[in-house]
C-alpha cells in the first residue's frame, strides 16, 4: 500500500475521517475479499491522482467490526465518501474507476 493511503482503525477513526476537513474516501475491505483485491489498485491510483485534494483511508472490516456496523456495511468492498466529517455517499462492490472518479469530481466541484 502506498504512503498516500491511511490505514484506519477504531482507535484512529475520528482523527483519520471524522475530524478531517475536506473529502475522504474510505475503502471498507477484508483480506479474504476477492473484489476488494480487484479494486485495490484503482484506489491506489486515485489516491495518487488526486493527491492533497482527496484523503484515502482503508478500514479492515474484520479487524474493526464496530465501525463497519456503525455504517451498516453489508457487503464489501464498500466505498464511503465523507466531506468535512459527514457521510455524503457510498458505493458497494468493485465499481469501475471512471464511476468512482466522476463521484469524486462531483464532490470536489
Protein backbone atom coordinates (compact mmCIF):
# COMPACT_ATOMS: atom_id res chain seq x y z
CA UNK A 1 0.00 0.00 0.00
CA UNK A 2 1.28 3.45 -0.84
CA UNK A 3 2.22 6.24 1.55
CA UNK A 4 -0.74 8.26 0.32
CA UNK A 5 -3.27 5.81 1.79
CA UNK A 6 -4.04 5.87 5.51
CA UNK A 7 -4.88 2.61 7.31
CA UNK A 8 -7.52 3.41 9.90
CA UNK A 9 -8.66 1.54 13.00
CA UNK A 10 -11.39 2.05 15.57
CA UNK A 11 -8.87 3.98 17.68
CA UNK A 12 -7.83 6.37 14.89
CA UNK A 13 -11.21 6.61 13.05
CA UNK A 14 -12.23 10.06 14.33
CA UNK A 15 -8.79 11.54 13.67
CA UNK A 16 -8.49 9.89 10.22
CA UNK A 17 -12.01 10.54 8.92
CA UNK A 18 -14.45 12.49 11.10
CA UNK A 19 -12.09 15.33 12.07
CA UNK A 20 -10.67 15.74 8.54
CA UNK A 21 -11.53 18.97 6.72
CA UNK A 22 -12.27 18.10 3.10
CA UNK A 23 -13.08 14.98 1.12
CA UNK A 24 -12.27 11.49 2.41
CA UNK A 25 -12.79 8.22 0.54
CA UNK A 26 -12.97 5.23 2.89
CA UNK A 27 -12.47 1.75 1.43
CA UNK A 28 -14.09 -0.87 3.70
CA UNK A 29 -12.37 -4.18 2.88
CA UNK A 30 -11.17 -7.54 4.23
CA UNK A 31 -8.17 -9.76 3.47
CA UNK A 32 -10.29 -12.67 2.17
CA UNK A 33 -12.39 -10.50 -0.19
CA UNK A 34 -11.70 -11.08 -3.91
CA UNK A 35 -13.46 -7.95 -5.22
CA UNK A 36 -11.58 -5.91 -2.59
CA UNK A 37 -8.30 -7.12 -4.11
CA UNK A 38 -9.59 -6.26 -7.59
CA UNK A 39 -10.43 -2.67 -6.64
CA UNK A 40 -7.27 -2.05 -4.55
CA UNK A 41 -5.06 -0.91 -7.49
CA UNK A 42 -7.79 1.53 -8.57
CA UNK A 43 -7.98 3.00 -5.06
CA UNK A 44 -4.18 3.30 -5.09
CA UNK A 45 -4.22 5.13 -8.45
CA UNK A 46 -6.95 7.52 -7.30
CA UNK A 47 -5.01 8.43 -4.15
CA UNK A 48 -2.01 9.35 -6.31
CA UNK A 49 -4.05 11.17 -8.97
CA UNK A 50 -5.95 13.38 -6.53
CA UNK A 51 -3.08 13.93 -4.10
CA UNK A 52 -3.93 16.54 -1.45
CA UNK A 53 -7.49 17.05 -2.75
CA UNK A 54 -8.62 13.60 -1.58
CA UNK A 55 -7.70 11.69 1.56
CA UNK A 56 -7.90 7.93 1.00
CA UNK A 57 -8.44 5.68 4.02
CA UNK A 58 -8.68 1.89 4.19
CA UNK A 59 -10.52 0.14 7.02
CA UNK A 60 -10.35 -3.62 7.52
CA UNK A 61 -13.90 -4.67 8.47
CA UNK A 62 -12.74 -7.88 10.19
CA UNK A 63 -10.37 -6.00 12.49
CA UNK A 64 -12.76 -3.08 13.12
CA UNK A 65 -16.29 -4.55 13.19
CA UNK A 66 -17.71 -1.72 15.32
CA UNK A 67 -17.00 0.91 12.64
CA UNK A 68 -18.32 -1.43 9.92
CA UNK A 69 -21.57 -1.98 11.83
CA UNK A 70 -21.90 1.74 12.66
CA UNK A 71 -22.08 2.44 8.90
CA UNK A 72 -24.18 -0.68 8.23
CA UNK A 73 -21.63 -2.28 5.90
CA UNK A 74 -23.39 -5.35 4.47
CA UNK A 75 -21.11 -6.12 1.53
CA UNK A 76 -17.50 -5.33 0.74
CA UNK A 77 -15.84 -3.57 -0.85
CA UNK A 78 -17.89 -0.56 0.19
CA UNK A 79 -16.59 2.91 -0.58
CA UNK A 80 -17.98 5.69 1.60
CA UNK A 81 -17.37 9.37 0.88
CA UNK A 82 -17.12 11.81 3.79
CA UNK A 83 -16.97 15.57 3.40
CA UNK A 84 -15.88 17.54 6.49
CA UNK A 85 -16.71 14.54 8.69
CA UNK A 86 -20.21 13.92 7.26
CA UNK A 87 -21.08 10.83 5.20
CA UNK A 88 -22.22 12.12 1.80
CA UNK A 89 -22.44 8.98 -0.36
CA UNK A 90 -21.43 5.37 -0.77
CA UNK A 91 -20.78 2.76 -3.46
CA UNK A 92 -20.85 -1.01 -2.98
CA UNK A 93 -18.89 -3.56 -5.00
CA UNK A 94 -15.89 -3.43 -7.32
CA UNK A 95 -17.00 -0.24 -9.04
CA UNK A 96 -15.17 0.81 -12.26
CA UNK A 97 -12.62 3.61 -11.90
CA UNK A 98 -14.48 6.12 -14.17
CA UNK A 99 -17.57 5.81 -11.96
CA UNK A 100 -15.55 6.48 -8.78
CA UNK A 101 -13.72 9.40 -10.46
CA UNK A 102 -16.96 11.05 -11.54
CA UNK A 103 -18.27 10.77 -7.96
CA UNK A 104 -15.05 12.30 -6.55
CA UNK A 105 -15.12 15.09 -9.16
CA UNK A 106 -18.74 15.93 -8.26
CA UNK A 107 -17.78 16.35 -4.58
CA UNK A 108 -14.70 18.44 -5.42
CA UNK A 109 -16.60 20.71 -7.84
